[in-house]
Amino acid sequence: MRNLSALLFVLLLCSLQLVSSGESPSLCYMMLSVFYCENYQCTQASKAALKICCPALTQMKLPLKRIVSYNWTSSECSIKAVVFNMISGKTICVDPASDWVNDHVKAVDQRTKGPATGN
């Protein structure tokens, strides 16, 4: 939404420049170029953030109360893993085939979704 607002603002400025002056729209082109470059870089950064790969897996059972959230590794990675995000800010890669990992994933899902409400 912020990107759309910024784009509309840039287009408004370009329109005002073109209407109010007989000069070439070089400022308009420059602003649109900056807007495009910023958004392109943000898009590339978000795609890179989605591709999480683990070089190795830990065998240590992690305490559930220290886990904030989790992600799965990208399908492009050679090792399939669950990546737990810890309170400390660390990310720890674990084997999804381990029973305790599946239990922890379910518990984190329940915690983040909140209690179920019945009607």
C-alpha atoms as a PDB file:
ATOM      1  CA  MET A   1       0.000   0.000   0.000  1.00  0.00           C
ATOM      2  CA  ARG A   2       2.859   2.339   0.802  1.00  0.00           C
ATOM      3  CA  ASN A   3       4.376   1.648  -2.613  1.00  0.00           C
ATOM      4  CA  LEU A   4       1.099   2.486  -4.324  1.00  0.00           C
ATOM      5  CA  SER A   5       0.845   5.762  -2.398  1.00  0.00           C
ATOM      6  CA  ALA A   6       4.415   6.657  -3.317  1.00  0.00           C
ATOM      7  CA  LEU A   7       3.787   5.859  -6.973  1.00  0.00           C
ATOM      8  CA  LEU A   8       0.665   8.020  -7.019  1.00  0.00           C
ATOM      9  CA  PHE A   9       2.599  10.849  -5.392  1.00  0.00           C
ATOM     10  CA  VAL A  10       5.372  10.601  -7.987  1.00  0.00           C
ATOM     11  CA  LEU A  11       2.837  10.550 -10.821  1.00  0.00           C
ATOM     12  CA  LEU A  12       1.091  13.598  -9.352  1.00  0.00           C
ATOM     13  CA  LEU A  13       4.379  15.496  -9.184  1.00  0.00           C
ATOM     14  CA  CYS A  14       5.172  14.489 -12.750  1.00  0.00           C
ATOM     15  CA  SER A  15       1.779  15.688 -13.930  1.00  0.00           C
ATOM     16  CA  LEU A  16       2.223  19.025 -12.172  1.00  0.00           C
ATOM     17  CA  GLN A  17       5.667  19.491 -13.678  1.00  0.00           C
ATOM     18  CA  LEU A  18       4.455  18.726 -17.177  1.00  0.00           C
ATOM     19  CA  VAL A  19       1.439  21.036 -16.880  1.00  0.00           C
ATOM     20  CA  SER A  20       3.222  23.964 -15.216  1.00  0.00           C
ATOM     21  CA  SER A  21       6.363  24.076 -17.339  1.00  0.00           C
ATOM     22  CA  GLY A  22       7.205  23.640 -20.939  1.00  0.00           C
ATOM     23  CA  GLU A  23      10.466  21.937 -20.035  1.00  0.00           C
ATOM     24  CA  SER A  24      11.331  18.349 -20.755  1.00  0.00           C
ATOM     25  CA  PRO A  25      10.083  15.857 -18.175  1.00  0.00           C
ATOM     26  CA  SER A  26      13.592  14.867 -17.059  1.00  0.00           C
ATOM     27  CA  LEU A  27      12.777  15.302 -13.353  1.00  0.00           C
ATOM     28  CA  CYS A  28       9.753  13.102 -13.826  1.00  0.00           C
ATOM     29  CA  TYR A  29      11.832  10.390 -15.482  1.00  0.00           C
ATOM     30  CA  MET A  30      14.415  10.634 -12.738  1.00  0.00           C
ATOM     31  CA  MET A  31      11.813  10.262  -9.955  1.00  0.00           C
ATOM     32  CA  LEU A  32      10.168   7.307 -11.687  1.00  0.00           C
ATOM     33  CA  SER A  33      13.582   5.690 -12.127  1.00  0.00           C
ATOM     34  CA  VAL A  34      14.370   6.076  -8.431  1.00  0.00           C
ATOM     35  CA  PHE A  35      10.960   4.679  -7.504  1.00  0.00           C
ATOM     36  CA  TYR A  36      11.451   1.692  -9.815  1.00  0.00           C
ATOM     37  CA  CYS A  37      14.949   0.962  -8.511  1.00  0.00           C
ATOM     38  CA  GLU A  38      13.880   1.121  -4.873  1.00  0.00           C
ATOM     39  CA  ASN A  39      10.957  -1.216  -5.433  1.00  0.00           C
ATOM     40  CA  TYR A  40      12.984  -3.600  -7.549  1.00  0.00           C
ATOM     41  CA  GLN A  41      15.598  -3.890  -4.810  1.00  0.00           C
ATOM     42  CA  CYS A  42      12.905  -4.443  -2.180  1.00  0.00           C
ATOM     43  CA  THR A  43      11.374  -7.178  -4.300  1.00  0.00           C
ATOM     44  CA  GLN A  44      14.730  -8.877  -4.740  1.00  0.00           C
ATOM     45  CA  ALA A  45      15.448  -8.627  -1.010  1.00  0.00           C
ATOM     46  CA  SER A  46      12.112 -10.178  -0.104  1.00  0.00           C
ATOM     47  CA  LYS A  47      12.675 -13.038  -2.558  1.00  0.00           C
ATOM     48  CA  ALA A  48      16.095 -13.652  -1.028  1.00  0.00           C
ATOM     49  CA  ALA A  49      14.565 -13.662   2.445  1.00  0.00           C
ATOM     50  CA  LEU A  50      12.128 -16.378   1.379  1.00  0.00           C
ATOM     51  CA  LYS A  51      14.937 -18.682   0.288  1.00  0.00           C
ATOM     52  CA  ILE A  52      16.184 -20.083   3.576  1.00  0.00           C
ATOM     53  CA  CYS A  53      18.663 -22.958   3.419  1.00  0.00           C
ATOM     54  CA  CYS A  54      20.450 -24.805   6.211  1.00  0.00           C
ATOM     55  CA  PRO A  55      24.033 -26.043   5.949  1.00  0.00           C
ATOM     56  CA  ALA A  56      23.426 -28.627   8.712  1.00  0.00           C
ATOM     57  CA  LEU A  57      20.802 -29.774  11.216  1.00  0.00           C
ATOM     58  CA  THR A  58      21.046 -29.840  14.984  1.00  0.00           C
ATOM     59  CA  GLN A  59      20.084 -33.007  16.850  1.00  0.00           C
ATOM     60  CA  MET A  60      19.479 -31.143  20.118  1.00  0.00           C
ATOM     61  CA  LYS A  61      15.861 -30.930  21.320  1.00  0.00           C
ATOM     62  CA  LEU A  62      14.950 -27.265  21.710  1.00  0.00           C
ATOM     63  CA  PRO A  63      12.824 -25.939  24.580  1.00  0.00           C
ATOM     64  CA  LEU A  64       9.380 -25.053  23.236  1.00  0.00           C
ATOM     65  CA  LYS A  65       9.075 -21.962  25.443  1.00  0.00           C
ATOM     66  CA  ARG A  66      12.127 -20.412  23.702  1.00  0.00           C
ATOM     67  CA  ILE A  67      10.673 -20.785  20.173  1.00  0.00           C
ATOM     68  CA  VAL A  68       8.948 -17.724  18.719  1.00  0.00           C
ATOM     69  CA  SER A  69       8.091 -18.973  15.233  1.00  0.00           C
ATOM     70  CA  TYR A  70       9.299 -21.263  12.487  1.00  0.00           C
ATOM     71  CA  ASN A  71       9.808 -21.504   8.719  1.00  0.00           C
ATOM     72  CA  TRP A  72      10.479 -24.310   6.298  1.00  0.00           C
ATOM     73  CA  THR A  73      13.542 -24.293   4.104  1.00  0.00           C
ATOM     74  CA  SER A  74      13.042 -23.478   0.456  1.00  0.00           C
ATOM     75  CA  SER A  75      12.309 -26.355  -1.907  1.00  0.00           C
ATOM     76  CA  GLU A  76      15.473 -25.294  -3.755  1.00  0.00           C
ATOM     77  CA  CYS A  77      17.653 -26.262  -0.774  1.00  0.00           C
ATOM     78  CA  SER A  78      19.514 -29.562  -0.623  1.00  0.00           C
ATOM     79  CA  ILE A  79      18.516 -30.164   3.018  1.00  0.00           C
ATOM     80  CA  LYS A  80      14.838 -30.138   3.997  1.00  0.00           C
ATOM     81  CA  ALA A  81      14.516 -28.599   7.450  1.00  0.00           C
ATOM     82  CA  VAL A  82      12.364 -26.676   9.876  1.00  0.00           C
ATOM     83  CA  VAL A  83      14.000 -23.416  10.926  1.00  0.00           C
ATOM     84  CA  PHE A  84      12.999 -22.380  14.442  1.00  0.00           C
ATOM     85  CA  ASN A  85      13.274 -18.677  15.301  1.00  0.00           C
ATOM     86  CA  MET A  86      14.286 -18.375  18.932  1.00  0.00           C
ATOM     87  CA  ILE A  87      13.610 -15.637  21.505  1.00  0.00           C
ATOM     88  CA  SER A  88      17.329 -14.831  21.426  1.00  0.00           C
ATOM     89  CA  GLY A  89      17.073 -13.984  17.718  1.00  0.00           C
ATOM     90  CA  LYS A  90      18.944 -17.090  16.617  1.00  0.00           C
ATOM     91  CA  THR A  91      17.639 -19.394  13.906  1.00  0.00           C
ATOM     92  CA  ILE A  92      18.184 -23.107  14.412  1.00  0.00           C
ATOM     93  CA  CYS A  93      17.732 -25.764  11.730  1.00  0.00           C
ATOM     94  CA  VAL A  94      16.220 -29.085  12.788  1.00  0.00           C
ATOM     95  CA  ASP A  95      15.156 -32.332  11.133  1.00  0.00           C
ATOM     96  CA  PRO A  96      11.415 -32.303  10.334  1.00  0.00           C
ATOM     97  CA  ALA A  97      11.337 -36.116  10.617  1.00  0.00           C
ATOM     98  CA  SER A  98      11.971 -35.931  14.375  1.00  0.00           C
ATOM     99  CA  ASP A  99       8.831 -36.485  16.460  1.00  0.00           C
ATOM    100  CA  TRP A 100       9.570 -33.609  18.815  1.00  0.00           C
ATOM    101  CA  VAL A 101       9.909 -31.208  15.863  1.00  0.00           C
ATOM    102  CA  ASN A 102       6.399 -31.995  14.634  1.00  0.00           C
ATOM    103  CA  ASP A 103       5.044 -31.567  18.164  1.00  0.00           C
ATOM    104  CA  HIS A 104       6.801 -28.200  18.494  1.00  0.00           C
ATOM    105  CA  VAL A 105       5.498 -27.034  15.088  1.00  0.00           C
ATOM    106  CA  LYS A 106       1.921 -27.892  16.113  1.00  0.00           C
ATOM    107  CA  ALA A 107       2.358 -26.138  19.464  1.00  0.00           C
ATOM    108  CA  VAL A 108       3.746 -22.981  17.828  1.00  0.00           C
ATOM    109  CA  ASP A 109       0.853 -23.014  15.343  1.00  0.00           C
ATOM    110  CA  GLN A 110      -1.655 -23.241  18.202  1.00  0.00           C
ATOM    111  CA  ARG A 111       0.118 -20.499  20.126  1.00  0.00           C
ATOM    112  CA  THR A 112       0.194 -18.086  17.188  1.00  0.00           C
ATOM    113  CA  LYS A 113      -3.383 -18.799  16.083  1.00  0.00           C
ATOM    114  CA  GLY A 114      -4.712 -18.422  19.606  1.00  0.00           C
ATOM    115  CA  PRO A 115      -7.403 -20.484  21.296  1.00  0.00           C
ATOM    116  CA  ALA A 116     -10.175 -21.880  19.125  1.00  0.00           C
ATOM    117  CA  THR A 117     -13.580 -20.347  19.769  1.00  0.00           C
ATOM    118  CA  GLY A 118     -16.736 -22.394  19.418  1.00  0.00           C
ATOM    119  CA  ASN A 119     -20.197 -21.040  18.637  1.00  0.00           C
END
